[in-house]
Amino acid sequence: MKKYYLALASSLLISNAFAQTPVSVPASAAGMSKTEMKSDAKRDMTNEKHIKELHARLKITADEEALWTNVAGTMRDSTRLIDQAFDKRAANISKASAVDDLNA
């Protein structure tokens, strides 16, 4: 049963990673303040905590560790992409039209 949940979680995370187009906006180009960068660091810490909790709850064995590493990496990548999308939206919100806001 544990392998079923692991396979399901990894397939969902991987499909989400491939469905999204990466948005690469460096912090300086997005006009991020130090407060916003701290916010990203806080989200990263929360994500790492969540990954560790899942690892413990799923009781990942040594044999499953390689698969788990891929799942955890996909979770980190997804979090990074979401953070970048939020930051890009926040940087452009003052000059965005209603349509641009909806698309963001």
PDB file of N, CA and C in Angstrom:
ATOM      1  N   MET A   1       0.816  -1.180   0.000  1.00  0.00           N
ATOM      2  CA  MET A   1       0.000   0.000   0.000  1.00  0.00           C
ATOM      3  C   MET A   1       0.868   1.255   0.000  1.00  0.00           C
ATOM      4  N   LYS A   2       1.973   1.187   0.749  1.00  0.00           N
ATOM      5  CA  LYS A   2       2.872   2.340   0.823  1.00  0.00           C
ATOM      6  C   LYS A   2       3.460   2.638  -0.554  1.00  0.00           C
ATOM      7  N   LYS A   3       3.801   1.595  -1.296  1.00  0.00           N
ATOM      8  CA  LYS A   3       4.374   1.806  -2.628  1.00  0.00           C
ATOM      9  C   LYS A   3       3.344   2.429  -3.570  1.00  0.00           C
ATOM     10  N   TYR A   4       2.074   2.068  -3.369  1.00  0.00           N
ATOM     11  CA  TYR A   4       1.015   2.648  -4.184  1.00  0.00           C
ATOM     12  C   TYR A   4       0.933   4.153  -3.954  1.00  0.00           C
ATOM     13  N   TYR A   5       0.937   4.574  -2.690  1.00  0.00           N
ATOM     14  CA  TYR A   5       0.878   5.993  -2.374  1.00  0.00           C
ATOM     15  C   TYR A   5       2.116   6.726  -2.877  1.00  0.00           C
ATOM     16  N   LEU A   6       3.262   6.103  -2.747  1.00  0.00           N
ATOM     17  CA  LEU A   6       4.493   6.721  -3.227  1.00  0.00           C
ATOM     18  C   LEU A   6       4.457   6.889  -4.737  1.00  0.00           C
ATOM     19  N   ALA A   7       3.991   5.857  -5.441  1.00  0.00           N
ATOM     20  CA  ALA A   7       3.896   5.943  -6.898  1.00  0.00           C
ATOM     21  C   ALA A   7       2.891   7.007  -7.314  1.00  0.00           C
ATOM     22  N   LEU A   8       1.773   7.066  -6.612  1.00  0.00           N
ATOM     23  CA  LEU A   8       0.761   8.061  -6.924  1.00  0.00           C
ATOM     24  C   LEU A   8       1.283   9.474  -6.690  1.00  0.00           C
ATOM     25  N   ALA A   9       1.921   9.686  -5.540  1.00  0.00           N
ATOM     26  CA  ALA A   9       2.463  11.006  -5.225  1.00  0.00           C
ATOM     27  C   ALA A   9       3.530  11.418  -6.230  1.00  0.00           C
ATOM     28  N   SER A  10       4.417  10.504  -6.569  1.00  0.00           N
ATOM     29  CA  SER A  10       5.491  10.856  -7.500  1.00  0.00           C
ATOM     30  C   SER A  10       4.947  11.135  -8.890  1.00  0.00           C
ATOM     31  N   SER A  11       3.947  10.362  -9.323  1.00  0.00           N
ATOM     32  CA  SER A  11       3.401  10.611 -10.659  1.00  0.00           C
ATOM     33  C   SER A  11       2.677  11.943 -10.721  1.00  0.00           C
ATOM     34  N   LEU A  12       1.972  12.308  -9.650  1.00  0.00           N
ATOM     35  CA  LEU A  12       1.301  13.606  -9.634  1.00  0.00           C
ATOM     36  C   LEU A  12       2.299  14.749  -9.630  1.00  0.00           C
ATOM     37  N   LEU A  13       3.332  14.612  -8.833  1.00  0.00           N
ATOM     38  CA  LEU A  13       4.336  15.672  -8.753  1.00  0.00           C
ATOM     39  C   LEU A  13       5.110  15.806 -10.055  1.00  0.00           C
ATOM     40  N   ILE A  14       5.454  14.685 -10.649  1.00  0.00           N
ATOM     41  CA  ILE A  14       6.207  14.725 -11.903  1.00  0.00           C
ATOM     42  C   ILE A  14       5.345  15.298 -13.018  1.00  0.00           C
ATOM     43  N   SER A  15       4.070  14.903 -13.071  1.00  0.00           N
ATOM     44  CA  SER A  15       3.203  15.437 -14.123  1.00  0.00           C
ATOM     45  C   SER A  15       3.016  16.939 -13.958  1.00  0.00           C
ATOM     46  N   ASN A  16       2.940  17.416 -12.718  1.00  0.00           N
ATOM     47  CA  ASN A  16       2.836  18.860 -12.495  1.00  0.00           C
ATOM     48  C   ASN A  16       4.095  19.580 -12.936  1.00  0.00           C
ATOM     49  N   ALA A  17       5.237  18.968 -12.709  1.00  0.00           N
ATOM     50  CA  ALA A  17       6.496  19.607 -13.102  1.00  0.00           C
ATOM     51  C   ALA A  17       6.595  19.748 -14.615  1.00  0.00           C
ATOM     52  N   PHE A  18       6.125  18.736 -15.354  1.00  0.00           N
ATOM     53  CA  PHE A  18       6.204  18.797 -16.801  1.00  0.00           C
ATOM     54  C   PHE A  18       5.108  19.667 -17.406  1.00  0.00           C
ATOM     55  N   ALA A  19       4.012  19.839 -16.691  1.00  0.00           N
ATOM     56  CA  ALA A  19       2.906  20.627 -17.204  1.00  0.00           C
ATOM     57  C   ALA A  19       3.189  22.119 -17.106  1.00  0.00           C
ATOM     58  N   GLN A  20       4.107  22.505 -16.269  1.00  0.00           N
ATOM     59  CA  GLN A  20       4.387  23.917 -16.063  1.00  0.00           C
ATOM     60  C   GLN A  20       5.601  24.334 -16.887  1.00  0.00           C
ATOM     61  N   THR A  21       5.514  25.530 -17.414  1.00  0.00           N
ATOM     62  CA  THR A  21       6.672  26.074 -18.100  1.00  0.00           C
ATOM     63  C   THR A  21       7.483  26.861 -17.087  1.00  0.00           C
ATOM     64  N   PRO A  22       8.785  26.625 -17.032  1.00  0.00           N
ATOM     65  CA  PRO A  22       9.585  27.313 -16.024  1.00  0.00           C
ATOM     66  C   PRO A  22       9.646  28.813 -16.266  1.00  0.00           C
ATOM     67  N   VAL A  23       9.559  29.539 -15.198  1.00  0.00           N
ATOM     68  CA  VAL A  23       9.677  30.988 -15.229  1.00  0.00           C
ATOM     69  C   VAL A  23      10.940  31.322 -14.469  1.00  0.00           C
ATOM     70  N   SER A  24      11.934  31.805 -15.165  1.00  0.00           N
ATOM     71  CA  SER A  24      13.172  32.099 -14.458  1.00  0.00           C
ATOM     72  C   SER A  24      13.348  33.603 -14.381  1.00  0.00           C
ATOM     73  N   VAL A  25      13.115  34.118 -13.196  1.00  0.00           N
ATOM     74  CA  VAL A  25      13.252  35.544 -12.934  1.00  0.00           C
ATOM     75  C   VAL A  25      14.174  35.689 -11.744  1.00  0.00           C
ATOM     76  N   PRO A  26      15.378  36.211 -11.960  1.00  0.00           N
ATOM     77  CA  PRO A  26      16.262  36.399 -10.816  1.00  0.00           C
ATOM     78  C   PRO A  26      15.688  37.424  -9.856  1.00  0.00           C
ATOM     79  N   ALA A  27      16.071  37.322  -8.604  1.00  0.00           N
ATOM     80  CA  ALA A  27      15.531  38.203  -7.561  1.00  0.00           C
ATOM     81  C   ALA A  27      15.736  39.672  -7.904  1.00  0.00           C
ATOM     82  N   SER A  28      16.910  40.006  -8.445  1.00  0.00           N
ATOM     83  CA  SER A  28      17.184  41.409  -8.756  1.00  0.00           C
ATOM     84  C   SER A  28      16.326  41.906  -9.915  1.00  0.00           C
ATOM     85  N   ALA A  29      16.059  41.052 -10.902  1.00  0.00           N
ATOM     86  CA  ALA A  29      15.250  41.462 -12.049  1.00  0.00           C
ATOM     87  C   ALA A  29      13.786  41.606 -11.670  1.00  0.00           C
ATOM     88  N   ALA A  30      13.330  40.824 -10.725  1.00  0.00           N
ATOM     89  CA  ALA A  30      11.932  40.905 -10.305  1.00  0.00           C
ATOM     90  C   ALA A  30      11.715  42.057  -9.336  1.00  0.00           C
ATOM     91  N   GLY A  31      12.785  42.708  -8.924  1.00  0.00           N
ATOM     92  CA  GLY A  31      12.665  43.819  -7.996  1.00  0.00           C
ATOM     93  C   GLY A  31      12.300  43.374  -6.594  1.00  0.00           C
ATOM     94  N   MET A  32      12.782  42.202  -6.216  1.00  0.00           N
ATOM     95  CA  MET A  32      12.443  41.676  -4.901  1.00  0.00           C
ATOM     96  C   MET A  32      13.202  42.395  -3.805  1.00  0.00           C
ATOM     97  N   SER A  33      12.493  42.649  -2.737  1.00  0.00           N
ATOM     98  CA  SER A  33      13.136  43.248  -1.577  1.00  0.00           C
ATOM     99  C   SER A  33      13.708  42.142  -0.699  1.00  0.00           C
ATOM    100  N   LYS A  34      14.472  42.553   0.305  1.00  0.00           N
ATOM    101  CA  LYS A  34      15.024  41.573   1.237  1.00  0.00           C
ATOM    102  C   LYS A  34      13.914  40.853   1.984  1.00  0.00           C
ATOM    103  N   THR A  35      12.820  41.539   2.250  1.00  0.00           N
ATOM    104  CA  THR A  35      11.685  40.922   2.932  1.00  0.00           C
ATOM    105  C   THR A  35      11.089  39.807   2.087  1.00  0.00           C
ATOM    106  N   GLU A  36      10.963  40.063   0.773  1.00  0.00           N
ATOM    107  CA  GLU A  36      10.424  39.040  -0.117  1.00  0.00           C
ATOM    108  C   GLU A  36      11.364  37.845  -0.209  1.00  0.00           C
ATOM    109  N   MET A  37      12.675  38.093  -0.222  1.00  0.00           N
ATOM    110  CA  MET A  37      13.633  36.991  -0.270  1.00  0.00           C
ATOM    111  C   MET A  37      13.552  36.167   1.015  1.00  0.00           C
ATOM    112  N   LYS A  38      13.337  36.848   2.166  1.00  0.00           N
ATOM    113  CA  LYS A  38      13.177  36.135   3.424  1.00  0.00           C
ATOM    114  C   LYS A  38      11.915  35.287   3.383  1.00  0.00           C
ATOM    115  N   SER A  39      10.874  35.811   2.732  1.00  0.00           N
ATOM    116  CA  SER A  39       9.628  35.077   2.595  1.00  0.00           C
ATOM    117  C   SER A  39       9.850  33.794   1.791  1.00  0.00           C
ATOM    118  N   ASP A  40      10.642  33.896   0.707  1.00  0.00           N
ATOM    119  CA  ASP A  40      10.976  32.709  -0.079  1.00  0.00           C
ATOM    120  C   ASP A  40      11.760  31.711   0.762  1.00  0.00           C
ATOM    121  N   ALA A  41      12.674  32.194   1.568  1.00  0.00           N
ATOM    122  CA  ALA A  41      13.462  31.305   2.426  1.00  0.00           C
ATOM    123  C   ALA A  41      12.551  30.611   3.437  1.00  0.00           C
ATOM    124  N   LYS A  42      11.574  31.353   3.944  1.00  0.00           N
ATOM    125  CA  LYS A  42      10.628  30.760   4.893  1.00  0.00           C
ATOM    126  C   LYS A  42       9.798  29.671   4.218  1.00  0.00           C
ATOM    127  N   ARG A  43       9.366  29.934   2.980  1.00  0.00           N
ATOM    128  CA  ARG A  43       8.613  28.914   2.237  1.00  0.00           C
ATOM    129  C   ARG A  43       9.474  27.699   1.964  1.00  0.00           C
ATOM    130  N   ASP A  44      10.760  27.915   1.660  1.00  0.00           N
ATOM    131  CA  ASP A  44      11.670  26.787   1.446  1.00  0.00           C
ATOM    132  C   ASP A  44      11.808  25.949   2.707  1.00  0.00           C
ATOM    133  N   MET A  45      11.917  26.609   3.850  1.00  0.00           N
ATOM    134  CA  MET A  45      12.036  25.880   5.117  1.00  0.00           C
ATOM    135  C   MET A  45      10.758  25.088   5.395  1.00  0.00           C
ATOM    136  N   THR A  46       9.612  25.688   5.112  1.00  0.00           N
ATOM    137  CA  THR A  46       8.338  24.994   5.310  1.00  0.00           C
ATOM    138  C   THR A  46       8.248  23.786   4.394  1.00  0.00           C
ATOM    139  N   ASN A  47       8.695  23.945   3.158  1.00  0.00           N
ATOM    140  CA  ASN A  47       8.678  22.841   2.203  1.00  0.00           C
ATOM    141  C   ASN A  47       9.608  21.714   2.664  1.00  0.00           C
ATOM    142  N   GLU A  48      10.791  22.053   3.130  1.00  0.00           N
ATOM    143  CA  GLU A  48      11.725  21.041   3.617  1.00  0.00           C
ATOM    144  C   GLU A  48      11.145  20.284   4.809  1.00  0.00           C
ATOM    145  N   LYS A  49      10.468  21.025   5.682  1.00  0.00           N
ATOM    146  CA  LYS A  49       9.828  20.388   6.839  1.00  0.00           C
ATOM    147  C   LYS A  49       8.761  19.408   6.361  1.00  0.00           C
ATOM    148  N   HIS A  50       7.976  19.814   5.376  1.00  0.00           N
ATOM    149  CA  HIS A  50       6.929  18.954   4.827  1.00  0.00           C
ATOM    150  C   HIS A  50       7.535  17.695   4.192  1.00  0.00           C
ATOM    151  N   ILE A  51       8.623  17.858   3.463  1.00  0.00           N
ATOM    152  CA  ILE A  51       9.287  16.712   2.837  1.00  0.00           C
ATOM    153  C   ILE A  51       9.775  15.733   3.900  1.00  0.00           C
ATOM    154  N   LYS A  52      10.383  16.250   4.964  1.00  0.00           N
ATOM    155  CA  LYS A  52      10.868  15.382   6.046  1.00  0.00           C
ATOM    156  C   LYS A  52       9.720  14.662   6.738  1.00  0.00           C
ATOM    157  N   GLU A  53       8.606  15.388   6.956  1.00  0.00           N
ATOM    158  CA  GLU A  53       7.447  14.764   7.593  1.00  0.00           C
ATOM    159  C   GLU A  53       6.871  13.650   6.723  1.00  0.00           C
ATOM    160  N   LEU A  54       6.771  13.894   5.419  1.00  0.00           N
ATOM    161  CA  LEU A  54       6.286  12.858   4.509  1.00  0.00           C
ATOM    162  C   LEU A  54       7.217  11.646   4.503  1.00  0.00           C
ATOM    163  N   HIS A  55       8.510  11.914   4.492  1.00  0.00           N
ATOM    164  CA  HIS A  55       9.505  10.835   4.510  1.00  0.00           C
ATOM    165  C   HIS A  55       9.292   9.951   5.730  1.00  0.00           C
ATOM    166  N   ALA A  56       9.090  10.576   6.871  1.00  0.00           N
ATOM    167  CA  ALA A  56       8.889   9.822   8.109  1.00  0.00           C
ATOM    168  C   ALA A  56       7.540   9.106   8.106  1.00  0.00           C
ATOM    169  N   ARG A  57       6.496   9.794   7.676  1.00  0.00           N
ATOM    170  CA  ARG A  57       5.160   9.198   7.689  1.00  0.00           C
ATOM    171  C   ARG A  57       5.047   8.026   6.722  1.00  0.00           C
ATOM    172  N   LEU A  58       5.701   8.137   5.566  1.00  0.00           N
ATOM    173  CA  LEU A  58       5.669   7.058   4.582  1.00  0.00           C
ATOM    174  C   LEU A  58       6.650   5.934   4.913  1.00  0.00           C
ATOM    175  N   LYS A  59       7.515   6.183   5.896  1.00  0.00           N
ATOM    176  CA  LYS A  59       8.504   5.187   6.328  1.00  0.00           C
ATOM    177  C   LYS A  59       9.306   4.649   5.132  1.00  0.00           C
ATOM    178  N   ILE A  60       9.954   5.576   4.457  1.00  0.00           N
ATOM    179  CA  ILE A  60      10.742   5.253   3.272  1.00  0.00           C
ATOM    180  C   ILE A  60      11.902   4.351   3.675  1.00  0.00           C
ATOM    181  N   THR A  61      12.036   3.237   2.992  1.00  0.00           N
ATOM    182  CA  THR A  61      13.114   2.291   3.281  1.00  0.00           C
ATOM    183  C   THR A  61      14.353   2.667   2.462  1.00  0.00           C
ATOM    184  N   ALA A  62      15.436   1.990   2.752  1.00  0.00           N
ATOM    185  CA  ALA A  62      16.684   2.246   2.013  1.00  0.00           C
ATOM    186  C   ALA A  62      16.506   1.917   0.527  1.00  0.00           C
ATOM    187  N   ASP A  63      15.715   0.889   0.230  1.00  0.00           N
ATOM    188  CA  ASP A  63      15.473   0.524  -1.172  1.00  0.00           C
ATOM    189  C   ASP A  63      14.661   1.586  -1.907  1.00  0.00           C
ATOM    190  N   GLU A  64      13.813   2.299  -1.180  1.00  0.00           N
ATOM    191  CA  GLU A  64      12.955   3.307  -1.787  1.00  0.00           C
ATOM    192  C   GLU A  64      13.590   4.695  -1.799  1.00  0.00           C
ATOM    193  N   GLU A  65      14.736   4.820  -1.178  1.00  0.00           N
ATOM    194  CA  GLU A  65      15.363   6.130  -1.007  1.00  0.00           C
ATOM    195  C   GLU A  65      15.671   6.819  -2.340  1.00  0.00           C
ATOM    196  N   ALA A  66      16.117   6.069  -3.343  1.00  0.00           N
ATOM    197  CA  ALA A  66      16.429   6.669  -4.649  1.00  0.00           C
ATOM    198  C   ALA A  66      15.164   7.248  -5.286  1.00  0.00           C
ATOM    199  N   LEU A  67      14.062   6.526  -5.174  1.00  0.00           N
ATOM    200  CA  LEU A  67      12.793   7.033  -5.699  1.00  0.00           C
ATOM    201  C   LEU A  67      12.334   8.256  -4.909  1.00  0.00           C
ATOM    202  N   TRP A  68      12.515   8.203  -3.605  1.00  0.00           N
ATOM    203  CA  TRP A  68      12.116   9.326  -2.757  1.00  0.00           C
ATOM    204  C   TRP A  68      12.914  10.583  -3.085  1.00  0.00           C
ATOM    205  N   THR A  69      14.187  10.403  -3.389  1.00  0.00           N
ATOM    206  CA  THR A  69      15.029  11.548  -3.745  1.00  0.00           C
ATOM    207  C   THR A  69      14.455  12.260  -4.965  1.00  0.00           C
ATOM    208  N   ASN A  70      13.960  11.499  -5.931  1.00  0.00           N
ATOM    209  CA  ASN A  70      13.345  12.099  -7.117  1.00  0.00           C
ATOM    210  C   ASN A  70      12.058  12.838  -6.760  1.00  0.00           C
ATOM    211  N   VAL A  71      11.252  12.246  -5.891  1.00  0.00           N
ATOM    212  CA  VAL A  71       9.995  12.883  -5.473  1.00  0.00           C
ATOM    213  C   VAL A  71      10.296  14.182  -4.727  1.00  0.00           C
ATOM    214  N   ALA A  72      11.230  14.129  -3.802  1.00  0.00           N
ATOM    215  CA  ALA A  72      11.584  15.317  -3.028  1.00  0.00           C
ATOM    216  C   ALA A  72      12.143  16.412  -3.938  1.00  0.00           C
ATOM    217  N   GLY A  73      12.949  16.035  -4.904  1.00  0.00           N
ATOM    218  CA  GLY A  73      13.492  17.010  -5.852  1.00  0.00           C
ATOM    219  C   GLY A  73      12.397  17.667  -6.674  1.00  0.00           C
ATOM    220  N   THR A  74      11.416  16.882  -7.085  1.00  0.00           N
ATOM    221  CA  THR A  74      10.290  17.434  -7.839  1.00  0.00           C
ATOM    222  C   THR A  74       9.471  18.373  -6.977  1.00  0.00           C
ATOM    223  N   MET A  75       9.299  18.022  -5.697  1.00  0.00           N
ATOM    224  CA  MET A  75       8.580  18.913  -4.784  1.00  0.00           C
ATOM    225  C   MET A  75       9.316  20.234  -4.631  1.00  0.00           C
ATOM    226  N   ARG A  76      10.641  20.173  -4.510  1.00  0.00           N
ATOM    227  CA  ARG A  76      11.434  21.408  -4.386  1.00  0.00           C
ATOM    228  C   ARG A  76      11.337  22.250  -5.656  1.00  0.00           C
ATOM    229  N   ASP A  77      11.435  21.588  -6.818  1.00  0.00           N
ATOM    230  CA  ASP A  77      11.343  22.309  -8.092  1.00  0.00           C
ATOM    231  C   ASP A  77       9.975  22.968  -8.257  1.00  0.00           C
ATOM    232  N   SER A  78       8.925  22.247  -7.903  1.00  0.00           N
ATOM    233  CA  SER A  78       7.571  22.794  -8.017  1.00  0.00           C
ATOM    234  C   SER A  78       7.396  24.004  -7.109  1.00  0.00           C
ATOM    235  N   THR A  79       7.911  23.904  -5.896  1.00  0.00           N
ATOM    236  CA  THR A  79       7.829  25.028  -4.971  1.00  0.00           C
ATOM    237  C   THR A  79       8.572  26.233  -5.525  1.00  0.00           C
ATOM    238  N   ARG A  80       9.745  25.997  -6.093  1.00  0.00           N
ATOM    239  CA  ARG A  80      10.542  27.084  -6.661  1.00  0.00           C
ATOM    240  C   ARG A  80       9.800  27.746  -7.824  1.00  0.00           C
ATOM    241  N   LEU A  81       9.172  26.938  -8.695  1.00  0.00           N
ATOM    242  CA  LEU A  81       8.435  27.495  -9.831  1.00  0.00           C
ATOM    243  C   LEU A  81       7.231  28.310  -9.371  1.00  0.00           C
ATOM    244  N   ILE A  82       6.538  27.819  -8.358  1.00  0.00           N
ATOM    245  CA  ILE A  82       5.392  28.555  -7.830  1.00  0.00           C
ATOM    246  C   ILE A  82       5.849  29.872  -7.211  1.00  0.00           C
ATOM    247  N   ASP A  83       6.932  29.823  -6.445  1.00  0.00           N
ATOM    248  CA  ASP A  83       7.477  31.046  -5.845  1.00  0.00           C
ATOM    249  C   ASP A  83       7.848  32.060  -6.915  1.00  0.00           C
ATOM    250  N   GLN A  84       8.480  31.600  -7.987  1.00  0.00           N
ATOM    251  CA  GLN A  84       8.871  32.506  -9.057  1.00  0.00           C
ATOM    252  C   GLN A  84       7.651  33.109  -9.742  1.00  0.00           C
ATOM    253  N   ALA A  85       6.607  32.310  -9.929  1.00  0.00           N
ATOM    254  CA  ALA A  85       5.385  32.824 -10.553  1.00  0.00           C
ATOM    255  C   ALA A  85       4.728  33.874  -9.660  1.00  0.00           C
ATOM    256  N   PHE A  86       4.680  33.612  -8.341  1.00  0.00           N
ATOM    257  CA  PHE A  86       4.131  34.593  -7.410  1.00  0.00           C
ATOM    258  C   PHE A  86       4.952  35.877  -7.418  1.00  0.00           C
ATOM    259  N   ASP A  87       6.263  35.731  -7.403  1.00  0.00           N
ATOM    260  CA  ASP A  87       7.141  36.904  -7.389  1.00  0.00           C
ATOM    261  C   ASP A  87       6.992  37.717  -8.674  1.00  0.00           C
ATOM    262  N   LYS A  88       6.883  37.030  -9.808  1.00  0.00           N
ATOM    263  CA  LYS A  88       6.720  37.725 -11.084  1.00  0.00           C
ATOM    264  C   LYS A  88       5.397  38.478 -11.101  1.00  0.00           C
ATOM    265  N   ARG A  89       4.341  37.827 -10.594  1.00  0.00           N
ATOM    266  CA  ARG A  89       3.033  38.484 -10.547  1.00  0.00           C
ATOM    267  C   ARG A  89       3.081  39.703  -9.637  1.00  0.00           C
ATOM    268  N   ALA A  90       3.711  39.554  -8.478  1.00  0.00           N
ATOM    269  CA  ALA A  90       3.797  40.668  -7.533  1.00  0.00           C
ATOM    270  C   ALA A  90       4.577  41.836  -8.117  1.00  0.00           C
ATOM    271  N   ALA A  91       5.613  41.544  -8.892  1.00  0.00           N
ATOM    272  CA  ALA A  91       6.433  42.600  -9.487  1.00  0.00           C
ATOM    273  C   ALA A  91       5.680  43.353 -10.579  1.00  0.00           C
ATOM    274  N   ASN A  92       4.757  42.676 -11.253  1.00  0.00           N
ATOM    275  CA  ASN A  92       4.061  43.291 -12.384  1.00  0.00           C
ATOM    276  C   ASN A  92       2.632  43.711 -12.068  1.00  0.00           C
ATOM    277  N   ILE A  93       2.172  43.519 -10.855  1.00  0.00           N
ATOM    278  CA  ILE A  93       0.762  43.759 -10.535  1.00  0.00           C
ATOM    279  C   ILE A  93       0.364  45.221 -10.689  1.00  0.00           C
ATOM    280  N   SER A  94       1.261  46.136 -10.410  1.00  0.00           N
ATOM    281  CA  SER A  94       0.899  47.559 -10.482  1.00  0.00           C
ATOM    282  C   SER A  94       0.668  48.028 -11.915  1.00  0.00           C
ATOM    283  N   LYS A  95       1.282  47.379 -12.892  1.00  0.00           N
ATOM    284  CA  LYS A  95       1.116  47.791 -14.290  1.00  0.00           C
ATOM    285  C   LYS A  95       0.332  46.788 -15.121  1.00  0.00           C
ATOM    286  N   ALA A  96      -0.249  45.772 -14.460  1.00  0.00           N
ATOM    287  CA  ALA A  96      -0.978  44.732 -15.181  1.00  0.00           C
ATOM    288  C   ALA A  96      -2.429  45.144 -15.414  1.00  0.00           C
ATOM    289  N   SER A  97      -2.946  44.726 -16.553  1.00  0.00           N
ATOM    290  CA  SER A  97      -4.374  44.930 -16.817  1.00  0.00           C
ATOM    291  C   SER A  97      -5.148  43.822 -16.118  1.00  0.00           C
ATOM    292  N   ALA A  98      -6.460  43.921 -16.138  1.00  0.00           N
ATOM    293  CA  ALA A  98      -7.297  42.896 -15.512  1.00  0.00           C
ATOM    294  C   ALA A  98      -7.060  41.532 -16.168  1.00  0.00           C
ATOM    295  N   VAL A  99      -6.892  41.522 -17.478  1.00  0.00           N
ATOM    296  CA  VAL A  99      -6.638  40.267 -18.195  1.00  0.00           C
ATOM    297  C   VAL A  99      -5.288  39.693 -17.794  1.00  0.00           C
ATOM    298  N   ASP A 100      -4.263  40.554 -17.710  1.00  0.00           N
ATOM    299  CA  ASP A 100      -2.953  40.090 -17.287  1.00  0.00           C
ATOM    300  C   ASP A 100      -3.005  39.514 -15.875  1.00  0.00           C
ATOM    301  N   ASP A 101      -3.763  40.167 -15.006  1.00  0.00           N
ATOM    302  CA  ASP A 101      -3.911  39.698 -13.623  1.00  0.00           C
ATOM    303  C   ASP A 101      -4.567  38.323 -13.590  1.00  0.00           C
ATOM    304  N   LEU A 102      -5.614  38.128 -14.380  1.00  0.00           N
ATOM    305  CA  LEU A 102      -6.275  36.823 -14.438  1.00  0.00           C
ATOM    306  C   LEU A 102      -5.342  35.752 -14.989  1.00  0.00           C
ATOM    307  N   ASN A 103      -4.572  36.091 -16.001  1.00  0.00           N
ATOM    308  CA  ASN A 103      -3.646  35.112 -16.594  1.00  0.00           C
ATOM    309  C   ASN A 103      -2.506  34.749 -15.643  1.00  0.00           C
ATOM    310  N   ALA A 104      -2.134  35.674 -14.777  1.00  0.00           N
ATOM    311  CA  ALA A 104      -1.049  35.413 -13.848  1.00  0.00           C
ATOM    312  C   ALA A 104      -1.498  34.407 -12.814  1.00  0.00           C
TER     313      ALA A 104
END
